[in-house]
Structures are given as C-alpha cells and as structure tokens.
C-alpha cells in the first residue's frame, strides 16, 4: 500500500493555531523539532524499558528527561507538575546540547561504528495514554503524521504495580504500612480507572491518527520476546531495525517494584472493579490472561472495513518490515 503524503507543516500558521485549544503557539514557530512519535504508556506497562532501549539508537532522539507531562497537564495549570502551555517551552527539550550530542556521537561510534544522526524525535510520558480527545487533537494539529506507541498490561497487575510504586516505594515505606482503605481509594481514583480502559484509550488515539500510526504492544512480551518487540518498534518508527542496536541487557527489568503476589483481598477487589475493562480487552482484541498465542503488535487504526478477530500469532519480524511479518488485529473504531 502506498504511504500517504506527509501533511506536516514546517511552521505554525493561522490555520494550525486556530485548531489549538490548549497549546499556545506563536505564528511562525518552527515545528521541525516537534516529536515524530510518542510513547504514551500508561504507567507500569514498560514505557521506561522502551525508553531505555531506544534512547541510544543512532537514529533516534528521545527528549530528556523522560516524562515531560506537557500535554497531560495542559488542563491543570494548578497542578504541581504544570510548567507551561507554551509550545516554545515544550520544544526546548527536543534539541541536544553540545555536550550530549558529543556524548551520543562517541557512544554510537564506540558501540556501533556509526555516527549519531537522528532521523526521528520522540518523547515518553506515560500519562499521555489517558489524554482527552481534545488534547490529542492539539497534538495531531501540530503533527498530523505523529506515531504513538501504547502498551497493554493485564489491568489488575498494572493497577497493583502502580499502587506499590506510588504508595510504597515513592513514599519510602513498606507496602504493609498502606491501609486497605488507602489502596482502595487509589484504585478508584478517576485517573487510575482511565488507565485500565485500554480499549477506550486506543479508540481515542486511533480516532485522530493516520491509519497504522498507533502501535499497541503487550507488557508480557518484554519478558518473553523483548528483542522481537524492539525490532517491531524500530520498524514502526521507520528506522534501522538491525539487532546490533539492541543491548545485551534487554531482558533486565527497568524501574521494577518489589516482586510478590497480590494479597487475595486486594486481588478480589481489583478483579471486581476492573472486570469491565478485562472484558473489553477480551471482546475487542481477543486478549485474556494467562496469554495464549497472540500477535506481537497491533497497528491501529485500520482501514474502513473491519476484519473479524481470530487467533493470529507472530513469532517476530526478524528485522523485516512489520507490515509483512506481523498479523494485525482489526479494531472497530467509533464514528
């Protein structure tokens, strides 16, 4: 299938600014450094792992620090993590200072024997998965060709991992010091509930993106097929997918919380609370845990017609173009 011609503009003009509801942008602002892709999460689904293993690819620029929170705080100017709604503030994170460019260049020559020449720019903020559609519309107005990577993890496991991180590890206390009432308040929080609504989040993004510009991966494959998952991500981004760009530590955990089973009372609570989200994943994408055969990645949105769901299975792309090697599950998008 022929790729659609790019509609990305070089500068903010009147038509772009007129479509922006929350981002403030001056006419004539250059968009050449606006990201080509976003890793959107949600939290505890492997975004830190993806960031860690893509950031030193010689053809990728990833904004530092991870988690800019720009788009997820546009509607919350009183939030502690709100910094600005100005596009110029955001774009300052998409250039390498000289010291970092020199460091990356040296690293790429040392590891791979090639120079650091980024072809795509991106950022990773895990709260972007749950963005409202009007904020997504602002992003797409600034780059209609943007690509998005969204990860799925079993909803109960994701929620429990997030609680351990936010309520125990980040507050430097033991998990058994967190009361059941505090945990249940955390699980019921509107943002936490939205993180579990993977199908809805996929629909929100897919409704605004070009065909095939949303890549959906599974957290489980970070453990079972990490190399193949990274190859698919690189193919999706349109960069070299040589396995020499994948480090030997690809199977090591990044940003882990303490291992351990979910206590039965909390598992029962979460299973009841998140049952509709688990059912939606099963009905839309054919996913249920423990996972059986499943596609390595899904690319959304699909063409206008819907293809019936089946049991497609991929063994990995082996460096080939993922459109040819990976079966794609179709999703029925909202009108």
C-alpha atoms as a PDB file:
ATOM      1  CA  UNK A   1       0.000   0.000   0.000  1.00  0.00           C
ATOM      2  CA  UNK A   2       1.356   3.411  -0.942  1.00  0.00           C
ATOM      3  CA  UNK A   3       2.202   5.640   2.023  1.00  0.00           C
ATOM      4  CA  UNK A   4       0.109   8.831   2.227  1.00  0.00           C
ATOM      5  CA  UNK A   5       1.953  12.038   1.539  1.00  0.00           C
ATOM      6  CA  UNK A   6       3.043  13.902   4.639  1.00  0.00           C
ATOM      7  CA  UNK A   7       0.830  16.815   5.650  1.00  0.00           C
ATOM      8  CA  UNK A   8       3.150  18.021   8.386  1.00  0.00           C
ATOM      9  CA  UNK A   9       3.810  21.759   8.317  1.00  0.00           C
ATOM     10  CA  UNK A  10       7.206  23.364   8.906  1.00  0.00           C
ATOM     11  CA  UNK A  11       5.811  26.374  10.785  1.00  0.00           C
ATOM     12  CA  UNK A  12       2.804  27.238  12.906  1.00  0.00           C
ATOM     13  CA  UNK A  13       0.422  29.200  10.698  1.00  0.00           C
ATOM     14  CA  UNK A  14      -3.005  30.719  11.245  1.00  0.00           C
ATOM     15  CA  UNK A  15      -4.837  27.518  10.337  1.00  0.00           C
ATOM     16  CA  UNK A  16      -2.856  25.453  12.850  1.00  0.00           C
ATOM     17  CA  UNK A  17      -3.170  27.982  15.635  1.00  0.00           C
ATOM     18  CA  UNK A  18      -6.922  28.233  15.044  1.00  0.00           C
ATOM     19  CA  UNK A  19      -7.248  24.495  15.738  1.00  0.00           C
ATOM     20  CA  UNK A  20      -5.319  24.593  19.016  1.00  0.00           C
ATOM     21  CA  UNK A  21      -7.453  24.669  22.136  1.00  0.00           C
ATOM     22  CA  UNK A  22      -4.845  24.334  24.880  1.00  0.00           C
ATOM     23  CA  UNK A  23      -1.354  24.687  23.397  1.00  0.00           C
ATOM     24  CA  UNK A  24      -0.262  28.301  22.966  1.00  0.00           C
ATOM     25  CA  UNK A  25       1.870  28.823  19.868  1.00  0.00           C
ATOM     26  CA  UNK A  26       3.165  31.908  18.110  1.00  0.00           C
ATOM     27  CA  UNK A  27       2.683  32.262  14.371  1.00  0.00           C
ATOM     28  CA  UNK A  28       5.922  31.306  12.648  1.00  0.00           C
ATOM     29  CA  UNK A  29       7.130  28.925  15.384  1.00  0.00           C
ATOM     30  CA  UNK A  30       9.169  26.160  13.750  1.00  0.00           C
ATOM     31  CA  UNK A  31       7.692  22.666  14.032  1.00  0.00           C
ATOM     32  CA  UNK A  32      10.798  20.870  12.788  1.00  0.00           C
ATOM     33  CA  UNK A  33      11.637  19.772  16.342  1.00  0.00           C
ATOM     34  CA  UNK A  34       8.097  18.737  17.272  1.00  0.00           C
ATOM     35  CA  UNK A  35       8.137  14.991  18.012  1.00  0.00           C
ATOM     36  CA  UNK A  36       7.613  12.374  15.328  1.00  0.00           C
ATOM     37  CA  UNK A  37       6.435   9.849  17.902  1.00  0.00           C
ATOM     38  CA  UNK A  38       5.217   9.498  21.469  1.00  0.00           C
ATOM     39  CA  UNK A  39       5.479   6.611  23.931  1.00  0.00           C
ATOM     40  CA  UNK A  40       2.279   7.134  25.889  1.00  0.00           C
ATOM     41  CA  UNK A  41       2.074   4.372  28.473  1.00  0.00           C
ATOM     42  CA  UNK A  42       0.123   4.052  30.678  1.00  0.00           C
ATOM     43  CA  UNK A  43       2.324   3.741  33.755  1.00  0.00           C
ATOM     44  CA  UNK A  44       3.715   0.335  34.733  1.00  0.00           C
ATOM     45  CA  UNK A  45       3.364  -1.122  31.246  1.00  0.00           C
ATOM     46  CA  UNK A  46       7.003  -0.992  30.134  1.00  0.00           C
ATOM     47  CA  UNK A  47       7.443   2.578  28.912  1.00  0.00           C
ATOM     48  CA  UNK A  48      10.639   3.055  30.928  1.00  0.00           C
ATOM     49  CA  UNK A  49      12.013  -0.154  29.410  1.00  0.00           C
ATOM     50  CA  UNK A  50      11.164   1.065  25.905  1.00  0.00           C
ATOM     51  CA  UNK A  51      12.727   4.461  26.578  1.00  0.00           C
ATOM     52  CA  UNK A  52      15.880   2.861  27.996  1.00  0.00           C
ATOM     53  CA  UNK A  53      16.389   0.616  24.960  1.00  0.00           C
ATOM     54  CA  UNK A  54      15.524   3.161  22.258  1.00  0.00           C
ATOM     55  CA  UNK A  55      17.308   6.242  23.608  1.00  0.00           C
ATOM     56  CA  UNK A  56      20.784   5.246  22.373  1.00  0.00           C
ATOM     57  CA  UNK A  57      19.755   4.127  18.895  1.00  0.00           C
ATOM     58  CA  UNK A  58      21.833   6.268  16.491  1.00  0.00           C
ATOM     59  CA  UNK A  59      18.730   7.287  14.514  1.00  0.00           C
ATOM     60  CA  UNK A  60      16.517   8.265  17.477  1.00  0.00           C
ATOM     61  CA  UNK A  61      16.385  11.415  19.560  1.00  0.00           C
ATOM     62  CA  UNK A  62      14.412  10.984  22.787  1.00  0.00           C
ATOM     63  CA  UNK A  63      13.658  14.006  24.929  1.00  0.00           C
ATOM     64  CA  UNK A  64      15.312  14.223  28.323  1.00  0.00           C
ATOM     65  CA  UNK A  65      14.101  13.958  30.970  1.00  0.00           C
ATOM     66  CA  UNK A  66      11.590  11.187  30.413  1.00  0.00           C
ATOM     67  CA  UNK A  67       8.090  12.272  31.462  1.00  0.00           C
ATOM     68  CA  UNK A  68       7.708  15.902  30.377  1.00  0.00           C
ATOM     69  CA  UNK A  69       3.975  15.873  31.317  1.00  0.00           C
ATOM     70  CA  UNK A  70       3.363  18.765  28.906  1.00  0.00           C
ATOM     71  CA  UNK A  71       0.146  17.542  27.300  1.00  0.00           C
ATOM     72  CA  UNK A  72      -1.210  15.762  30.371  1.00  0.00           C
ATOM     73  CA  UNK A  73      -1.086  18.977  32.425  1.00  0.00           C
ATOM     74  CA  UNK A  74      -2.478  21.449  29.887  1.00  0.00           C
ATOM     75  CA  UNK A  75      -5.893  21.407  31.553  1.00  0.00           C
ATOM     76  CA  UNK A  76      -4.436  21.565  35.080  1.00  0.00           C
ATOM     77  CA  UNK A  77      -2.496  24.833  35.461  1.00  0.00           C
ATOM     78  CA  UNK A  78      -2.613  24.498  39.254  1.00  0.00           C
ATOM     79  CA  UNK A  79      -1.011  21.050  39.247  1.00  0.00           C
ATOM     80  CA  UNK A  80       2.433  20.762  40.823  1.00  0.00           C
ATOM     81  CA  UNK A  81       3.851  19.343  37.582  1.00  0.00           C
ATOM     82  CA  UNK A  82       2.378  22.054  35.354  1.00  0.00           C
ATOM     83  CA  UNK A  83       5.092  24.193  33.827  1.00  0.00           C
ATOM     84  CA  UNK A  84       3.726  25.914  30.734  1.00  0.00           C
ATOM     85  CA  UNK A  85       1.260  25.688  27.882  1.00  0.00           C
ATOM     86  CA  UNK A  86       3.670  27.430  25.508  1.00  0.00           C
ATOM     87  CA  UNK A  87       4.828  25.346  22.561  1.00  0.00           C
ATOM     88  CA  UNK A  88       8.215  27.062  22.685  1.00  0.00           C
ATOM     89  CA  UNK A  89       8.725  25.779  26.246  1.00  0.00           C
ATOM     90  CA  UNK A  90       7.980  22.220  25.131  1.00  0.00           C
ATOM     91  CA  UNK A  91      10.212  22.341  22.066  1.00  0.00           C
ATOM     92  CA  UNK A  92      13.299  23.292  24.084  1.00  0.00           C
ATOM     93  CA  UNK A  93      13.552  19.630  25.164  1.00  0.00           C
ATOM     94  CA  UNK A  94      13.956  18.428  21.579  1.00  0.00           C
ATOM     95  CA  UNK A  95      17.488  19.537  20.872  1.00  0.00           C
ATOM     96  CA  UNK A  96      20.759  18.096  22.100  1.00  0.00           C
ATOM     97  CA  UNK A  97      23.067  20.464  23.955  1.00  0.00           C
ATOM     98  CA  UNK A  98      26.591  20.183  22.567  1.00  0.00           C
ATOM     99  CA  UNK A  99      27.842  18.007  25.438  1.00  0.00           C
ATOM    100  CA  UNK A 100      25.027  15.493  24.970  1.00  0.00           C
ATOM    101  CA  UNK A 101      25.448  15.408  21.194  1.00  0.00           C
ATOM    102  CA  UNK A 102      29.166  14.740  21.633  1.00  0.00           C
ATOM    103  CA  UNK A 103      28.478  12.034  24.216  1.00  0.00           C
ATOM    104  CA  UNK A 104      25.911  10.309  21.980  1.00  0.00           C
ATOM    105  CA  UNK A 105      28.159  10.558  18.950  1.00  0.00           C
ATOM    106  CA  UNK A 106      31.036   8.973  20.848  1.00  0.00           C
ATOM    107  CA  UNK A 107      28.779   6.255  22.213  1.00  0.00           C
ATOM    108  CA  UNK A 108      27.371   5.406  18.768  1.00  0.00           C
ATOM    109  CA  UNK A 109      30.834   5.155  17.214  1.00  0.00           C
ATOM    110  CA  UNK A 110      32.066   3.052  20.127  1.00  0.00           C
ATOM    111  CA  UNK A 111      29.091   0.672  20.204  1.00  0.00           C
ATOM    112  CA  UNK A 112      28.031   0.519  16.580  1.00  0.00           C
ATOM    113  CA  UNK A 113      30.735   2.148  14.444  1.00  0.00           C
ATOM    114  CA  UNK A 114      28.262   4.700  13.065  1.00  0.00           C
ATOM    115  CA  UNK A 115      27.610   8.390  13.819  1.00  0.00           C
ATOM    116  CA  UNK A 116      24.673   9.696  15.833  1.00  0.00           C
ATOM    117  CA  UNK A 117      22.285  11.045  13.175  1.00  0.00           C
ATOM    118  CA  UNK A 118      18.709  11.123  14.482  1.00  0.00           C
ATOM    119  CA  UNK A 119      16.000  10.639  11.874  1.00  0.00           C
ATOM    120  CA  UNK A 120      13.073  10.760  14.317  1.00  0.00           C
ATOM    121  CA  UNK A 121      12.375  12.651  17.529  1.00  0.00           C
ATOM    122  CA  UNK A 122      10.174  11.428  20.335  1.00  0.00           C
ATOM    123  CA  UNK A 123       9.273  11.624  23.963  1.00  0.00           C
ATOM    124  CA  UNK A 124       7.882   9.245  26.577  1.00  0.00           C
ATOM    125  CA  UNK A 125       5.266  10.363  29.084  1.00  0.00           C
ATOM    126  CA  UNK A 126       3.216   7.505  30.469  1.00  0.00           C
ATOM    127  CA  UNK A 127       0.187   9.605  31.418  1.00  0.00           C
ATOM    128  CA  UNK A 128      -0.465  10.516  27.758  1.00  0.00           C
ATOM    129  CA  UNK A 129      -2.300   7.203  27.255  1.00  0.00           C
ATOM    130  CA  UNK A 130      -5.299   8.648  29.094  1.00  0.00           C
ATOM    131  CA  UNK A 131      -5.390  12.051  27.367  1.00  0.00           C
ATOM    132  CA  UNK A 132      -8.753  13.562  26.489  1.00  0.00           C
ATOM    133  CA  UNK A 133      -9.579  13.661  22.807  1.00  0.00           C
ATOM    134  CA  UNK A 134      -9.430  17.454  22.586  1.00  0.00           C
ATOM    135  CA  UNK A 135      -5.813  17.393  23.810  1.00  0.00           C
ATOM    136  CA  UNK A 136      -4.987  14.608  21.348  1.00  0.00           C
ATOM    137  CA  UNK A 137      -6.485  16.852  18.659  1.00  0.00           C
ATOM    138  CA  UNK A 138      -3.989  19.589  19.595  1.00  0.00           C
ATOM    139  CA  UNK A 139      -1.103  17.130  19.188  1.00  0.00           C
ATOM    140  CA  UNK A 140      -2.316  15.969  15.788  1.00  0.00           C
ATOM    141  CA  UNK A 141      -2.904  19.554  14.658  1.00  0.00           C
ATOM    142  CA  UNK A 142       0.801  20.196  15.283  1.00  0.00           C
ATOM    143  CA  UNK A 143       1.900  16.960  13.566  1.00  0.00           C
ATOM    144  CA  UNK A 144      -0.748  15.060  11.563  1.00  0.00           C
ATOM    145  CA  UNK A 145       1.830  12.303  10.884  1.00  0.00           C
ATOM    146  CA  UNK A 146       2.684  11.606  14.511  1.00  0.00           C
ATOM    147  CA  UNK A 147       3.091   7.967  15.586  1.00  0.00           C
ATOM    148  CA  UNK A 148       2.150   6.630  19.007  1.00  0.00           C
ATOM    149  CA  UNK A 149       3.233   3.553  20.988  1.00  0.00           C
ATOM    150  CA  UNK A 150       0.775   2.356  23.634  1.00  0.00           C
ATOM    151  CA  UNK A 151       1.378  -0.691  25.829  1.00  0.00           C
ATOM    152  CA  UNK A 152      -1.149  -3.060  27.421  1.00  0.00           C
ATOM    153  CA  UNK A 153      -0.681  -4.941  30.693  1.00  0.00           C
ATOM    154  CA  UNK A 154      -3.185  -7.160  32.478  1.00  0.00           C
ATOM    155  CA  UNK A 155      -5.315  -4.490  34.252  1.00  0.00           C
ATOM    156  CA  UNK A 156      -5.201  -5.989  37.754  1.00  0.00           C
ATOM    157  CA  UNK A 157      -1.427  -6.471  37.632  1.00  0.00           C
ATOM    158  CA  UNK A 158      -0.891  -2.959  36.260  1.00  0.00           C
ATOM    159  CA  UNK A 159      -3.007  -1.353  38.977  1.00  0.00           C
ATOM    160  CA  UNK A 160      -1.245  -3.277  41.746  1.00  0.00           C
ATOM    161  CA  UNK A 161       2.204  -2.392  40.388  1.00  0.00           C
ATOM    162  CA  UNK A 162       1.216   1.274  40.166  1.00  0.00           C
ATOM    163  CA  UNK A 163      -0.019   1.236  43.771  1.00  0.00           C
ATOM    164  CA  UNK A 164       3.215  -0.352  45.009  1.00  0.00           C
ATOM    165  CA  UNK A 165       5.241   2.320  43.221  1.00  0.00           C
ATOM    166  CA  UNK A 166       3.189   5.366  44.228  1.00  0.00           C
ATOM    167  CA  UNK A 167       2.067   4.406  47.725  1.00  0.00           C
ATOM    168  CA  UNK A 168       5.052   2.411  48.978  1.00  0.00           C
ATOM    169  CA  UNK A 169       8.279   2.813  47.012  1.00  0.00           C
ATOM    170  CA  UNK A 170       7.932   6.515  46.220  1.00  0.00           C
ATOM    171  CA  UNK A 171       6.982   7.293  49.824  1.00  0.00           C
ATOM    172  CA  UNK A 172       9.770   5.137  51.238  1.00  0.00           C
ATOM    173  CA  UNK A 173       7.516   2.893  53.291  1.00  0.00           C
ATOM    174  CA  UNK A 174       6.638  -0.757  53.391  1.00  0.00           C
ATOM    175  CA  UNK A 175       3.604  -1.923  51.479  1.00  0.00           C
ATOM    176  CA  UNK A 176       2.127  -3.483  54.606  1.00  0.00           C
ATOM    177  CA  UNK A 177       2.039   0.033  56.101  1.00  0.00           C
ATOM    178  CA  UNK A 178      -0.504   1.077  53.443  1.00  0.00           C
ATOM    179  CA  UNK A 179      -4.057   0.525  54.667  1.00  0.00           C
ATOM    180  CA  UNK A 180      -6.705  -1.270  52.648  1.00  0.00           C
ATOM    181  CA  UNK A 181      -8.747   1.936  52.599  1.00  0.00           C
ATOM    182  CA  UNK A 182      -5.843   3.911  51.112  1.00  0.00           C
ATOM    183  CA  UNK A 183      -5.271   1.270  48.471  1.00  0.00           C
ATOM    184  CA  UNK A 184      -8.923   1.194  47.503  1.00  0.00           C
ATOM    185  CA  UNK A 185      -9.041   4.999  47.216  1.00  0.00           C
ATOM    186  CA  UNK A 186      -6.026   4.785  44.926  1.00  0.00           C
ATOM    187  CA  UNK A 187      -7.611   2.095  42.759  1.00  0.00           C
ATOM    188  CA  UNK A 188     -10.871   4.083  42.468  1.00  0.00           C
ATOM    189  CA  UNK A 189      -9.134   7.315  41.506  1.00  0.00           C
ATOM    190  CA  UNK A 190     -10.527   8.552  38.144  1.00  0.00           C
ATOM    191  CA  UNK A 191      -7.083   8.603  36.561  1.00  0.00           C
ATOM    192  CA  UNK A 192      -6.353   5.065  37.727  1.00  0.00           C
ATOM    193  CA  UNK A 193      -9.665   3.908  36.312  1.00  0.00           C
ATOM    194  CA  UNK A 194      -8.869   5.550  32.974  1.00  0.00           C
ATOM    195  CA  UNK A 195      -5.503   3.800  32.814  1.00  0.00           C
ATOM    196  CA  UNK A 196      -7.345   0.473  32.853  1.00  0.00           C
ATOM    197  CA  UNK A 197      -9.634   1.446  29.973  1.00  0.00           C
ATOM    198  CA  UNK A 198      -7.212   0.332  27.286  1.00  0.00           C
ATOM    199  CA  UNK A 199      -9.848  -0.103  24.600  1.00  0.00           C
ATOM    200  CA  UNK A 200     -11.237   3.387  25.179  1.00  0.00           C
ATOM    201  CA  UNK A 201      -7.744   4.881  25.240  1.00  0.00           C
ATOM    202  CA  UNK A 202      -6.853   3.117  21.995  1.00  0.00           C
ATOM    203  CA  UNK A 203     -10.057   4.411  20.418  1.00  0.00           C
ATOM    204  CA  UNK A 204      -9.339   7.979  21.493  1.00  0.00           C
ATOM    205  CA  UNK A 205      -5.920   7.962  19.890  1.00  0.00           C
ATOM    206  CA  UNK A 206      -6.920   5.942  16.833  1.00  0.00           C
ATOM    207  CA  UNK A 207      -9.768   8.337  16.061  1.00  0.00           C
ATOM    208  CA  UNK A 208      -7.203  11.074  15.347  1.00  0.00           C
ATOM    209  CA  UNK A 209      -4.193   9.232  13.939  1.00  0.00           C
ATOM    210  CA  UNK A 210      -3.377   8.142  10.417  1.00  0.00           C
ATOM    211  CA  UNK A 211      -4.002   4.532   9.502  1.00  0.00           C
ATOM    212  CA  UNK A 212      -1.424   2.299  11.168  1.00  0.00           C
ATOM    213  CA  UNK A 213       0.123   5.088  13.255  1.00  0.00           C
ATOM    214  CA  UNK A 214      -0.826   3.576  16.631  1.00  0.00           C
ATOM    215  CA  UNK A 215       1.360   0.657  17.671  1.00  0.00           C
ATOM    216  CA  UNK A 216      -0.041  -1.427  20.523  1.00  0.00           C
ATOM    217  CA  UNK A 217       2.292  -3.820  22.307  1.00  0.00           C
ATOM    218  CA  UNK A 218       1.992  -6.118  25.309  1.00  0.00           C
ATOM    219  CA  UNK A 219       3.926  -5.810  28.556  1.00  0.00           C
ATOM    220  CA  UNK A 220       4.171  -9.618  28.699  1.00  0.00           C
ATOM    221  CA  UNK A 221       6.357  -9.662  25.579  1.00  0.00           C
ATOM    222  CA  UNK A 222       9.030  -7.602  27.321  1.00  0.00           C
ATOM    223  CA  UNK A 223       9.772 -10.785  29.250  1.00  0.00           C
ATOM    224  CA  UNK A 224       9.131 -13.385  26.551  1.00  0.00           C
ATOM    225  CA  UNK A 225      10.047 -11.665  23.260  1.00  0.00           C
ATOM    226  CA  UNK A 226      11.945  -8.446  24.078  1.00  0.00           C
ATOM    227  CA  UNK A 227      14.214  -8.432  21.026  1.00  0.00           C
ATOM    228  CA  UNK A 228      11.342  -9.036  18.618  1.00  0.00           C
ATOM    229  CA  UNK A 229       9.275  -6.319  20.319  1.00  0.00           C
ATOM    230  CA  UNK A 230      12.069  -3.772  19.931  1.00  0.00           C
ATOM    231  CA  UNK A 231      12.553  -4.747  16.283  1.00  0.00           C
ATOM    232  CA  UNK A 232       8.851  -4.097  15.703  1.00  0.00           C
ATOM    233  CA  UNK A 233       9.073  -0.721  17.438  1.00  0.00           C
ATOM    234  CA  UNK A 234      12.043   0.268  15.268  1.00  0.00           C
ATOM    235  CA  UNK A 235      10.259  -0.842  12.093  1.00  0.00           C
ATOM    236  CA  UNK A 236       7.205   1.132  13.154  1.00  0.00           C
ATOM    237  CA  UNK A 237       9.308   4.266  13.628  1.00  0.00           C
ATOM    238  CA  UNK A 238      10.885   3.874  10.203  1.00  0.00           C
ATOM    239  CA  UNK A 239      14.465   3.483  11.389  1.00  0.00           C
ATOM    240  CA  UNK A 240      17.056   0.754  11.032  1.00  0.00           C
ATOM    241  CA  UNK A 241      15.912  -2.362  12.871  1.00  0.00           C
ATOM    242  CA  UNK A 242      19.290  -4.104  12.991  1.00  0.00           C
ATOM    243  CA  UNK A 243      19.637  -6.210  16.110  1.00  0.00           C
ATOM    244  CA  UNK A 244      23.082  -4.762  16.734  1.00  0.00           C
ATOM    245  CA  UNK A 245      21.259  -1.740  18.177  1.00  0.00           C
ATOM    246  CA  UNK A 246      19.738  -3.907  20.925  1.00  0.00           C
ATOM    247  CA  UNK A 247      21.839  -4.250  24.066  1.00  0.00           C
ATOM    248  CA  UNK A 248      22.683  -7.437  25.883  1.00  0.00           C
ATOM    249  CA  UNK A 249      20.712  -6.243  28.923  1.00  0.00           C
ATOM    250  CA  UNK A 250      17.417  -6.324  27.031  1.00  0.00           C
ATOM    251  CA  UNK A 251      15.940  -8.936  29.382  1.00  0.00           C
ATOM    252  CA  UNK A 252      16.745  -6.989  32.548  1.00  0.00           C
ATOM    253  CA  UNK A 253      13.938  -5.202  34.387  1.00  0.00           C
ATOM    254  CA  UNK A 254      13.876  -1.409  34.308  1.00  0.00           C
ATOM    255  CA  UNK A 255      12.190   0.588  37.106  1.00  0.00           C
ATOM    256  CA  UNK A 256      10.839  -2.523  38.887  1.00  0.00           C
ATOM    257  CA  UNK A 257       8.862  -2.677  42.124  1.00  0.00           C
ATOM    258  CA  UNK A 258       9.218  -5.451  44.680  1.00  0.00           C
ATOM    259  CA  UNK A 259       8.040  -8.795  43.383  1.00  0.00           C
ATOM    260  CA  UNK A 260       5.310 -10.691  45.174  1.00  0.00           C
ATOM    261  CA  UNK A 261       1.798 -11.979  44.792  1.00  0.00           C
ATOM    262  CA  UNK A 262      -1.170  -9.674  45.169  1.00  0.00           C
ATOM    263  CA  UNK A 263      -2.838 -10.330  48.529  1.00  0.00           C
ATOM    264  CA  UNK A 264      -6.107 -12.135  47.990  1.00  0.00           C
ATOM    265  CA  UNK A 265      -8.369  -9.403  49.401  1.00  0.00           C
ATOM    266  CA  UNK A 266      -6.832  -6.803  47.072  1.00  0.00           C
ATOM    267  CA  UNK A 267      -6.931  -9.144  44.082  1.00  0.00           C
ATOM    268  CA  UNK A 268     -10.638  -9.799  44.623  1.00  0.00           C
ATOM    269  CA  UNK A 269     -11.326  -6.068  44.921  1.00  0.00           C
ATOM    270  CA  UNK A 270      -9.402  -5.279  41.748  1.00  0.00           C
ATOM    271  CA  UNK A 271     -10.901  -8.138  39.767  1.00  0.00           C
ATOM    272  CA  UNK A 272     -14.392  -6.873  40.550  1.00  0.00           C
ATOM    273  CA  UNK A 273     -13.513  -3.224  39.947  1.00  0.00           C
ATOM    274  CA  UNK A 274     -11.736  -3.849  36.643  1.00  0.00           C
ATOM    275  CA  UNK A 275     -13.946  -6.627  35.296  1.00  0.00           C
ATOM    276  CA  UNK A 276     -15.485  -4.394  32.574  1.00  0.00           C
ATOM    277  CA  UNK A 277     -12.008  -3.407  31.345  1.00  0.00           C
ATOM    278  CA  UNK A 278     -10.807  -7.017  31.272  1.00  0.00           C
ATOM    279  CA  UNK A 279     -13.944  -7.981  29.354  1.00  0.00           C
ATOM    280  CA  UNK A 280     -13.456  -5.134  26.866  1.00  0.00           C
ATOM    281  CA  UNK A 281      -9.920  -6.339  26.105  1.00  0.00           C
ATOM    282  CA  UNK A 282     -11.190  -9.854  25.529  1.00  0.00           C
ATOM    283  CA  UNK A 283     -14.052  -8.764  23.288  1.00  0.00           C
ATOM    284  CA  UNK A 284     -12.150  -6.164  21.240  1.00  0.00           C
ATOM    285  CA  UNK A 285      -8.651  -7.590  20.978  1.00  0.00           C
ATOM    286  CA  UNK A 286      -9.133 -11.238  21.923  1.00  0.00           C
ATOM    287  CA  UNK A 287      -6.806 -10.825  24.915  1.00  0.00           C
ATOM    288  CA  UNK A 288      -7.201 -12.753  28.148  1.00  0.00           C
ATOM    289  CA  UNK A 289      -4.702 -13.817  30.786  1.00  0.00           C
ATOM    290  CA  UNK A 290      -2.798 -16.057  31.058  1.00  0.00           C
ATOM    291  CA  UNK A 291      -1.995 -15.193  27.479  1.00  0.00           C
ATOM    292  CA  UNK A 292      -2.249 -17.775  24.766  1.00  0.00           C
ATOM    293  CA  UNK A 293      -0.982 -17.251  21.220  1.00  0.00           C
ATOM    294  CA  UNK A 294      -1.240 -13.555  20.380  1.00  0.00           C
ATOM    295  CA  UNK A 295       0.133 -11.077  17.863  1.00  0.00           C
ATOM    296  CA  UNK A 296       3.413  -9.431  18.744  1.00  0.00           C
ATOM    297  CA  UNK A 297       1.986  -5.986  17.966  1.00  0.00           C
ATOM    298  CA  UNK A 298      -1.221  -4.436  16.690  1.00  0.00           C
ATOM    299  CA  UNK A 299      -1.347  -1.456  14.351  1.00  0.00           C
ATOM    300  CA  UNK A 300      -4.349   0.833  14.573  1.00  0.00           C
ATOM    301  CA  UNK A 301      -6.450   2.444  13.230  1.00  0.00           C
ATOM    302  CA  UNK A 302      -7.350   0.037  10.478  1.00  0.00           C
ATOM    303  CA  UNK A 303      -8.877   0.719   7.096  1.00  0.00           C
ATOM    304  CA  UNK A 304     -12.609   1.380   6.942  1.00  0.00           C
ATOM    305  CA  UNK A 305     -13.688  -2.267   6.785  1.00  0.00           C
ATOM    306  CA  UNK A 306     -13.477  -4.427   9.881  1.00  0.00           C
ATOM    307  CA  UNK A 307     -11.698  -7.793   9.716  1.00  0.00           C
ATOM    308  CA  UNK A 308     -13.084 -10.499  12.036  1.00  0.00           C
ATOM    309  CA  UNK A 309     -10.972 -11.295  15.057  1.00  0.00           C
ATOM    310  CA  UNK A 310      -9.143 -14.609  15.008  1.00  0.00           C
ATOM    311  CA  UNK A 311      -6.170 -16.302  16.649  1.00  0.00           C
ATOM    312  CA  UNK A 312      -3.264 -14.669  14.769  1.00  0.00           C
ATOM    313  CA  UNK A 313       0.203 -15.323  16.126  1.00  0.00           C
ATOM    314  CA  UNK A 314       3.573 -13.818  15.286  1.00  0.00           C
ATOM    315  CA  UNK A 315       6.982 -15.245  16.018  1.00  0.00           C
ATOM    316  CA  UNK A 316       8.733 -11.937  15.428  1.00  0.00           C
ATOM    317  CA  UNK A 317       9.804  -9.864  12.494  1.00  0.00           C
ATOM    318  CA  UNK A 318      13.439 -10.951  12.233  1.00  0.00           C
ATOM    319  CA  UNK A 319      14.242  -7.429  11.125  1.00  0.00           C
ATOM    320  CA  UNK A 320      11.787  -7.356   8.194  1.00  0.00           C
ATOM    321  CA  UNK A 321       9.108  -4.783   7.646  1.00  0.00           C
ATOM    322  CA  UNK A 322       6.439  -5.424  10.251  1.00  0.00           C
ATOM    323  CA  UNK A 323       3.582  -4.797   7.824  1.00  0.00           C
ATOM    324  CA  UNK A 324       4.624  -8.016   6.049  1.00  0.00           C
ATOM    325  CA  UNK A 325       5.537 -10.112   9.054  1.00  0.00           C
ATOM    326  CA  UNK A 326       3.066  -9.362  11.821  1.00  0.00           C
ATOM    327  CA  UNK A 327      -0.629 -10.271  11.695  1.00  0.00           C
ATOM    328  CA  UNK A 328      -2.703  -7.260  12.682  1.00  0.00           C
ATOM    329  CA  UNK A 329      -5.842  -7.379  14.794  1.00  0.00           C
ATOM    330  CA  UNK A 330      -8.524  -5.039  13.495  1.00  0.00           C
ATOM    331  CA  UNK A 331     -10.403  -2.692  15.766  1.00  0.00           C
ATOM    332  CA  UNK A 332     -13.811  -1.219  15.152  1.00  0.00           C
ATOM    333  CA  UNK A 333     -13.390   2.498  15.714  1.00  0.00           C
ATOM    334  CA  UNK A 334     -16.019   4.854  16.941  1.00  0.00           C
ATOM    335  CA  UNK A 335     -17.537   7.117  14.357  1.00  0.00           C
END
